[in-house]
Amino acid sequence: MYELKTKETDNSVIEFIEQVDSSKKREDAYKLLDIFTETTGFEAKMWGPSIIGFGSYHYKYESGHEGDAPLVGFSPRKAKISLYFAPGETKRQELLKQFGKHSTGKACVYINKVADIDVEVLKSLINESVSYLQKMYPAK
């Protein structure tokens, strides 16, 4: 049976951020920690070894695959900072047009630094993602 790699852990978010090599990335990680915490109202938790997640939801696909994931999150990776939002959220594309310098993947948005983006648009992306996932996967 498939075992999820990215699960919520009891590891310290602060200890993880303190281990980030680049002092500028570390500074941005603290800024993001404040923004995500304030915007979601959820406490930051480590998901797997390197994702800082906020809130959680339980999903189950038609295939039978199911698991838990953070509603939103970020990870200060070596190359870029990964921001995790809901895939399929419809307002995301429109918001990203006003976001600033970034690139995208299926569920991730990648930035070099917080100074490259519009923080108010980031807050909107966070809110849209949280509400979308809470509607799609209501808590039982």
N, C-alpha and C. Protein backbone atom coordinates (compact mmCIF):
# COMPACT_ATOMS: atom_id res chain seq x y z
N MET A 1 0.83 -1.18 0.00
CA MET A 1 0.00 0.00 0.00
C MET A 1 0.88 1.25 0.00
N TYR A 2 0.43 2.27 -0.72
CA TYR A 2 1.16 3.53 -0.83
C TYR A 2 1.22 4.24 0.52
N GLU A 3 2.40 4.68 0.91
CA GLU A 3 2.57 5.40 2.18
C GLU A 3 2.90 6.86 1.87
N LEU A 4 2.09 7.77 2.40
CA LEU A 4 2.34 9.20 2.21
C LEU A 4 3.67 9.60 2.82
N LYS A 5 4.48 10.35 2.07
CA LYS A 5 5.76 10.83 2.60
C LYS A 5 5.57 12.11 3.40
N THR A 6 4.64 12.95 2.97
CA THR A 6 4.47 14.24 3.61
C THR A 6 3.35 14.18 4.63
N LYS A 7 3.74 13.98 5.89
CA LYS A 7 2.80 13.92 7.00
C LYS A 7 3.17 14.99 8.01
N GLU A 8 2.17 15.40 8.78
CA GLU A 8 2.44 16.36 9.85
C GLU A 8 3.36 15.72 10.88
N THR A 9 4.35 16.48 11.33
CA THR A 9 5.30 15.97 12.33
C THR A 9 5.30 16.89 13.55
N ASP A 10 6.00 16.48 14.58
CA ASP A 10 6.15 17.31 15.79
C ASP A 10 7.44 18.12 15.75
N ASN A 11 8.15 18.10 14.62
CA ASN A 11 9.40 18.84 14.52
C ASN A 11 9.14 20.33 14.67
N SER A 12 10.13 21.06 15.17
CA SER A 12 10.00 22.49 15.42
C SER A 12 10.15 23.30 14.13
N VAL A 13 9.18 24.16 13.87
CA VAL A 13 9.23 25.05 12.71
C VAL A 13 10.41 26.01 12.86
N ILE A 14 10.60 26.56 14.05
CA ILE A 14 11.69 27.53 14.29
C ILE A 14 13.05 26.86 14.09
N GLU A 15 13.22 25.65 14.61
CA GLU A 15 14.50 24.93 14.41
C GLU A 15 14.75 24.69 12.93
N PHE A 16 13.69 24.34 12.19
CA PHE A 16 13.84 24.11 10.75
C PHE A 16 14.29 25.41 10.06
N ILE A 17 13.63 26.52 10.36
CA ILE A 17 14.00 27.79 9.73
C ILE A 17 15.43 28.18 10.10
N GLU A 18 15.81 27.94 11.34
CA GLU A 18 17.17 28.29 11.78
C GLU A 18 18.24 27.48 11.03
N GLN A 19 17.87 26.33 10.46
CA GLN A 19 18.83 25.51 9.71
C GLN A 19 18.95 25.92 8.24
N VAL A 20 18.13 26.87 7.78
CA VAL A 20 18.22 27.34 6.40
C VAL A 20 19.55 28.04 6.23
N ASP A 21 20.32 27.62 5.19
CA ASP A 21 21.69 28.12 4.99
C ASP A 21 21.75 29.63 4.77
N SER A 22 20.98 30.13 3.84
CA SER A 22 21.04 31.55 3.47
C SER A 22 20.34 32.42 4.50
N SER A 23 21.05 33.45 4.99
CA SER A 23 20.44 34.34 5.98
C SER A 23 19.27 35.11 5.36
N LYS A 24 19.34 35.44 4.08
CA LYS A 24 18.24 36.16 3.41
C LYS A 24 17.01 35.25 3.30
N LYS A 25 17.22 33.97 2.95
CA LYS A 25 16.09 33.02 2.88
C LYS A 25 15.50 32.79 4.26
N ARG A 26 16.36 32.76 5.26
CA ARG A 26 15.90 32.58 6.65
C ARG A 26 15.02 33.77 7.05
N GLU A 27 15.47 34.97 6.72
CA GLU A 27 14.70 36.19 7.01
C GLU A 27 13.35 36.16 6.29
N ASP A 28 13.35 35.75 5.01
CA ASP A 28 12.10 35.63 4.25
C ASP A 28 11.19 34.55 4.84
N ALA A 29 11.78 33.46 5.32
CA ALA A 29 10.98 32.38 5.93
C ALA A 29 10.25 32.90 7.16
N TYR A 30 10.91 33.73 7.96
CA TYR A 30 10.24 34.31 9.13
C TYR A 30 9.13 35.28 8.71
N LYS A 31 9.38 36.05 7.64
CA LYS A 31 8.33 36.95 7.13
C LYS A 31 7.12 36.14 6.68
N LEU A 32 7.38 35.07 5.92
CA LEU A 32 6.29 34.22 5.43
C LEU A 32 5.56 33.54 6.59
N LEU A 33 6.31 33.10 7.59
CA LEU A 33 5.71 32.48 8.77
C LEU A 33 4.69 33.44 9.40
N ASP A 34 5.08 34.70 9.53
CA ASP A 34 4.17 35.70 10.10
C ASP A 34 2.95 35.93 9.21
N ILE A 35 3.17 36.06 7.90
CA ILE A 35 2.08 36.32 6.95
C ILE A 35 1.08 35.16 6.93
N PHE A 36 1.58 33.93 6.80
CA PHE A 36 0.70 32.76 6.73
C PHE A 36 -0.05 32.56 8.05
N THR A 37 0.64 32.74 9.18
CA THR A 37 0.00 32.56 10.49
C THR A 37 -1.11 33.59 10.69
N GLU A 38 -0.77 34.86 10.41
CA GLU A 38 -1.75 35.94 10.58
C GLU A 38 -2.94 35.76 9.63
N THR A 39 -2.67 35.37 8.39
CA THR A 39 -3.74 35.27 7.39
C THR A 39 -4.65 34.07 7.62
N THR A 40 -4.07 32.93 8.00
CA THR A 40 -4.89 31.72 8.16
C THR A 40 -5.48 31.59 9.57
N GLY A 41 -4.78 32.11 10.56
CA GLY A 41 -5.19 31.90 11.94
C GLY A 41 -4.77 30.54 12.46
N PHE A 42 -4.05 29.75 11.64
CA PHE A 42 -3.58 28.43 12.06
C PHE A 42 -2.14 28.48 12.54
N GLU A 43 -1.80 27.61 13.47
CA GLU A 43 -0.43 27.47 13.94
C GLU A 43 0.37 26.75 12.87
N ALA A 44 1.61 27.17 12.68
CA ALA A 44 2.50 26.52 11.71
C ALA A 44 2.92 25.15 12.24
N LYS A 45 2.91 24.16 11.34
CA LYS A 45 3.35 22.80 11.68
C LYS A 45 4.29 22.33 10.58
N MET A 46 5.24 21.48 10.94
CA MET A 46 6.10 20.88 9.93
C MET A 46 5.36 19.71 9.29
N TRP A 47 5.43 19.64 7.97
CA TRP A 47 4.89 18.52 7.20
C TRP A 47 6.06 17.90 6.48
N GLY A 48 6.38 16.65 6.84
CA GLY A 48 7.58 16.03 6.29
C GLY A 48 8.79 16.81 6.80
N PRO A 49 9.94 16.63 6.14
CA PRO A 49 11.15 17.28 6.65
C PRO A 49 11.29 18.75 6.28
N SER A 50 10.49 19.26 5.30
CA SER A 50 10.82 20.60 4.82
C SER A 50 9.66 21.52 4.44
N ILE A 51 8.41 21.13 4.73
CA ILE A 51 7.27 21.98 4.39
C ILE A 51 6.65 22.52 5.68
N ILE A 52 6.47 23.84 5.71
CA ILE A 52 5.79 24.49 6.83
C ILE A 52 4.35 24.67 6.40
N GLY A 53 3.43 23.95 7.06
CA GLY A 53 2.03 23.95 6.65
C GLY A 53 1.12 24.59 7.68
N PHE A 54 -0.05 25.02 7.20
CA PHE A 54 -1.02 25.71 8.04
C PHE A 54 -2.38 25.07 7.84
N GLY A 55 -3.01 24.65 8.95
CA GLY A 55 -4.28 23.95 8.85
C GLY A 55 -4.09 22.61 8.17
N SER A 56 -5.18 21.87 8.01
CA SER A 56 -5.09 20.60 7.29
C SER A 56 -6.47 20.20 6.80
N TYR A 57 -6.47 19.30 5.84
CA TYR A 57 -7.72 18.75 5.33
C TYR A 57 -7.48 17.29 4.96
N HIS A 58 -8.56 16.53 4.95
CA HIS A 58 -8.48 15.12 4.58
C HIS A 58 -9.12 14.98 3.20
N TYR A 59 -8.38 14.38 2.27
CA TYR A 59 -8.90 14.19 0.92
C TYR A 59 -9.05 12.71 0.62
N LYS A 60 -9.97 12.40 -0.28
CA LYS A 60 -10.14 11.03 -0.75
C LYS A 60 -10.52 11.11 -2.23
N TYR A 61 -9.71 10.49 -3.06
CA TYR A 61 -9.96 10.51 -4.50
C TYR A 61 -10.82 9.31 -4.91
N GLU A 62 -11.40 9.39 -6.09
CA GLU A 62 -12.23 8.28 -6.60
C GLU A 62 -11.44 6.98 -6.67
N SER A 63 -10.12 7.10 -6.87
CA SER A 63 -9.25 5.92 -6.96
C SER A 63 -9.15 5.20 -5.61
N GLY A 64 -9.61 5.87 -4.54
CA GLY A 64 -9.49 5.29 -3.21
C GLY A 64 -8.32 5.85 -2.44
N HIS A 65 -7.39 6.53 -3.15
CA HIS A 65 -6.24 7.14 -2.48
C HIS A 65 -6.73 8.26 -1.58
N GLU A 66 -6.25 8.27 -0.34
CA GLU A 66 -6.65 9.33 0.58
C GLU A 66 -5.51 9.69 1.50
N GLY A 67 -5.65 10.86 2.13
CA GLY A 67 -4.61 11.30 3.06
C GLY A 67 -4.93 12.68 3.60
N ASP A 68 -3.98 13.21 4.32
CA ASP A 68 -4.10 14.54 4.90
C ASP A 68 -3.03 15.43 4.31
N ALA A 69 -3.34 16.72 4.20
CA ALA A 69 -2.39 17.68 3.65
C ALA A 69 -2.65 19.04 4.30
N PRO A 70 -1.64 19.92 4.29
CA PRO A 70 -1.88 21.26 4.81
C PRO A 70 -2.76 22.05 3.84
N LEU A 71 -3.56 22.97 4.37
CA LEU A 71 -4.39 23.83 3.51
C LEU A 71 -3.51 24.72 2.64
N VAL A 72 -2.47 25.29 3.22
CA VAL A 72 -1.48 26.10 2.52
C VAL A 72 -0.15 25.91 3.22
N GLY A 73 0.92 26.32 2.57
CA GLY A 73 2.22 26.20 3.21
C GLY A 73 3.32 26.78 2.35
N PHE A 74 4.54 26.65 2.86
CA PHE A 74 5.70 27.11 2.10
C PHE A 74 6.93 26.32 2.54
N SER A 75 7.96 26.40 1.71
CA SER A 75 9.22 25.76 2.04
C SER A 75 10.36 26.60 1.48
N PRO A 76 11.27 27.05 2.36
CA PRO A 76 12.42 27.82 1.89
C PRO A 76 13.49 26.88 1.33
N ARG A 77 13.34 26.51 0.07
CA ARG A 77 14.27 25.56 -0.56
C ARG A 77 15.54 26.28 -1.00
N LYS A 78 16.54 25.49 -1.36
CA LYS A 78 17.84 26.07 -1.74
C LYS A 78 17.72 27.01 -2.94
N ALA A 79 17.07 26.56 -4.00
CA ALA A 79 17.00 27.37 -5.22
C ALA A 79 15.96 28.49 -5.09
N LYS A 80 14.75 28.14 -4.73
CA LYS A 80 13.65 29.12 -4.63
C LYS A 80 12.80 28.79 -3.42
N ILE A 81 11.91 29.71 -3.07
CA ILE A 81 10.95 29.44 -2.01
C ILE A 81 9.69 28.90 -2.67
N SER A 82 9.23 27.74 -2.22
CA SER A 82 8.01 27.12 -2.75
C SER A 82 6.83 27.54 -1.89
N LEU A 83 5.77 28.01 -2.54
CA LEU A 83 4.52 28.35 -1.85
C LEU A 83 3.49 27.33 -2.29
N TYR A 84 2.80 26.72 -1.35
CA TYR A 84 1.84 25.66 -1.65
C TYR A 84 0.41 26.17 -1.50
N PHE A 85 -0.34 26.12 -2.61
CA PHE A 85 -1.74 26.51 -2.64
C PHE A 85 -2.55 25.36 -3.22
N ALA A 86 -3.87 25.46 -3.16
CA ALA A 86 -4.74 24.42 -3.69
C ALA A 86 -4.67 24.35 -5.20
N PRO A 87 -4.37 23.16 -5.76
CA PRO A 87 -4.47 23.02 -7.21
C PRO A 87 -5.95 23.06 -7.60
N GLY A 88 -6.27 23.72 -8.68
CA GLY A 88 -7.66 23.75 -9.13
C GLY A 88 -8.45 24.94 -8.63
N GLU A 89 -7.86 25.73 -7.73
CA GLU A 89 -8.56 26.92 -7.22
C GLU A 89 -8.66 27.93 -8.36
N THR A 90 -9.86 28.38 -8.65
CA THR A 90 -10.13 29.12 -9.89
C THR A 90 -9.63 30.57 -9.92
N LYS A 91 -9.52 31.23 -8.79
CA LYS A 91 -9.08 32.64 -8.79
C LYS A 91 -7.57 32.78 -8.79
N ARG A 92 -6.86 31.67 -8.63
CA ARG A 92 -5.40 31.70 -8.53
C ARG A 92 -4.75 32.37 -9.74
N GLN A 93 -5.14 31.97 -10.96
CA GLN A 93 -4.51 32.52 -12.17
C GLN A 93 -4.66 34.02 -12.24
N GLU A 94 -5.85 34.50 -11.91
CA GLU A 94 -6.12 35.95 -11.95
C GLU A 94 -5.25 36.68 -10.92
N LEU A 95 -5.16 36.13 -9.72
CA LEU A 95 -4.35 36.75 -8.66
C LEU A 95 -2.86 36.75 -9.01
N LEU A 96 -2.41 35.66 -9.65
CA LEU A 96 -0.98 35.56 -9.98
C LEU A 96 -0.54 36.63 -10.98
N LYS A 97 -1.47 37.15 -11.77
CA LYS A 97 -1.14 38.21 -12.73
C LYS A 97 -0.67 39.47 -12.01
N GLN A 98 -1.13 39.65 -10.76
CA GLN A 98 -0.78 40.83 -9.98
C GLN A 98 0.27 40.52 -8.89
N PHE A 99 0.76 39.30 -8.86
CA PHE A 99 1.57 38.80 -7.75
C PHE A 99 2.99 39.33 -7.72
N GLY A 100 3.59 39.54 -8.89
CA GLY A 100 5.00 39.91 -8.94
C GLY A 100 5.79 38.78 -9.56
N LYS A 101 7.11 38.83 -9.39
CA LYS A 101 8.02 37.87 -10.03
C LYS A 101 7.87 36.48 -9.40
N HIS A 102 7.47 35.51 -10.23
CA HIS A 102 7.27 34.14 -9.76
C HIS A 102 7.27 33.17 -10.95
N SER A 103 7.30 31.90 -10.65
CA SER A 103 7.05 30.85 -11.64
C SER A 103 6.10 29.85 -10.98
N THR A 104 5.49 28.98 -11.78
CA THR A 104 4.49 28.07 -11.21
C THR A 104 4.73 26.62 -11.61
N GLY A 105 4.21 25.73 -10.75
CA GLY A 105 4.13 24.31 -11.01
C GLY A 105 2.67 23.93 -10.85
N LYS A 106 2.35 22.64 -10.70
CA LYS A 106 0.96 22.23 -10.57
C LYS A 106 0.30 22.81 -9.31
N ALA A 107 0.91 22.61 -8.17
CA ALA A 107 0.33 23.14 -6.93
C ALA A 107 1.21 24.21 -6.31
N CYS A 108 2.41 24.38 -6.83
CA CYS A 108 3.38 25.30 -6.22
C CYS A 108 3.52 26.58 -7.01
N VAL A 109 3.84 27.63 -6.27
CA VAL A 109 4.26 28.89 -6.86
C VAL A 109 5.66 29.12 -6.30
N TYR A 110 6.61 29.45 -7.17
CA TYR A 110 7.99 29.62 -6.75
C TYR A 110 8.38 31.09 -6.79
N ILE A 111 9.03 31.56 -5.73
CA ILE A 111 9.54 32.92 -5.70
C ILE A 111 11.00 32.90 -5.26
N ASN A 112 11.74 33.94 -5.65
CA ASN A 112 13.12 34.06 -5.18
C ASN A 112 13.18 34.69 -3.81
N LYS A 113 12.37 35.75 -3.63
CA LYS A 113 12.36 36.45 -2.33
C LYS A 113 11.04 37.19 -2.15
N VAL A 114 10.70 37.47 -0.90
CA VAL A 114 9.44 38.14 -0.56
C VAL A 114 9.39 39.53 -1.19
N ALA A 115 10.53 40.19 -1.31
CA ALA A 115 10.57 41.54 -1.88
C ALA A 115 10.10 41.57 -3.34
N ASP A 116 10.10 40.42 -4.03
CA ASP A 116 9.68 40.34 -5.44
C ASP A 116 8.16 40.30 -5.61
N ILE A 117 7.42 40.11 -4.52
CA ILE A 117 5.97 39.88 -4.65
C ILE A 117 5.15 40.93 -3.92
N ASP A 118 3.87 40.97 -4.24
CA ASP A 118 2.91 41.83 -3.56
C ASP A 118 2.32 41.01 -2.40
N VAL A 119 2.62 41.43 -1.18
CA VAL A 119 2.20 40.68 0.01
C VAL A 119 0.67 40.64 0.14
N GLU A 120 -0.01 41.70 -0.29
CA GLU A 120 -1.48 41.70 -0.22
C GLU A 120 -2.06 40.65 -1.16
N VAL A 121 -1.45 40.48 -2.33
CA VAL A 121 -1.89 39.43 -3.26
C VAL A 121 -1.60 38.06 -2.66
N LEU A 122 -0.45 37.91 -1.99
CA LEU A 122 -0.13 36.65 -1.30
C LEU A 122 -1.23 36.32 -0.30
N LYS A 123 -1.67 37.31 0.48
CA LYS A 123 -2.72 37.07 1.47
C LYS A 123 -4.01 36.62 0.78
N SER A 124 -4.32 37.21 -0.37
CA SER A 124 -5.51 36.80 -1.13
C SER A 124 -5.36 35.36 -1.63
N LEU A 125 -4.18 35.00 -2.12
CA LEU A 125 -3.94 33.63 -2.58
C LEU A 125 -4.12 32.64 -1.42
N ILE A 126 -3.61 33.00 -0.27
CA ILE A 126 -3.75 32.14 0.92
C ILE A 126 -5.24 31.97 1.26
N ASN A 127 -5.95 33.08 1.35
CA ASN A 127 -7.38 33.01 1.71
C ASN A 127 -8.20 32.22 0.70
N GLU A 128 -7.95 32.44 -0.59
CA GLU A 128 -8.69 31.71 -1.63
C GLU A 128 -8.42 30.21 -1.54
N SER A 129 -7.18 29.85 -1.32
CA SER A 129 -6.81 28.44 -1.24
C SER A 129 -7.47 27.76 -0.03
N VAL A 130 -7.42 28.43 1.12
CA VAL A 130 -8.02 27.88 2.33
C VAL A 130 -9.52 27.69 2.14
N SER A 131 -10.21 28.74 1.64
CA SER A 131 -11.66 28.58 1.49
C SER A 131 -12.03 27.55 0.45
N TYR A 132 -11.28 27.48 -0.64
CA TYR A 132 -11.54 26.48 -1.69
C TYR A 132 -11.43 25.06 -1.10
N LEU A 133 -10.34 24.79 -0.39
CA LEU A 133 -10.14 23.45 0.16
C LEU A 133 -11.15 23.12 1.25
N GLN A 134 -11.53 24.10 2.04
CA GLN A 134 -12.52 23.83 3.09
C GLN A 134 -13.89 23.55 2.49
N LYS A 135 -14.20 24.12 1.31
CA LYS A 135 -15.46 23.82 0.63
C LYS A 135 -15.39 22.44 -0.03
N MET A 136 -14.24 22.16 -0.68
CA MET A 136 -14.08 20.87 -1.38
C MET A 136 -14.03 19.69 -0.42
N TYR A 137 -13.38 19.89 0.71
CA TYR A 137 -13.17 18.81 1.68
C TYR A 137 -13.61 19.28 3.07
N PRO A 138 -14.93 19.42 3.28
CA PRO A 138 -15.41 19.91 4.59
C PRO A 138 -14.99 18.98 5.73
N ALA A 139 -14.67 19.58 6.85
CA ALA A 139 -14.30 18.78 8.04
C ALA A 139 -15.52 18.01 8.50
N LYS A 140 -15.29 16.79 8.95
CA LYS A 140 -16.40 15.94 9.40
C LYS A 140 -16.59 16.05 10.88
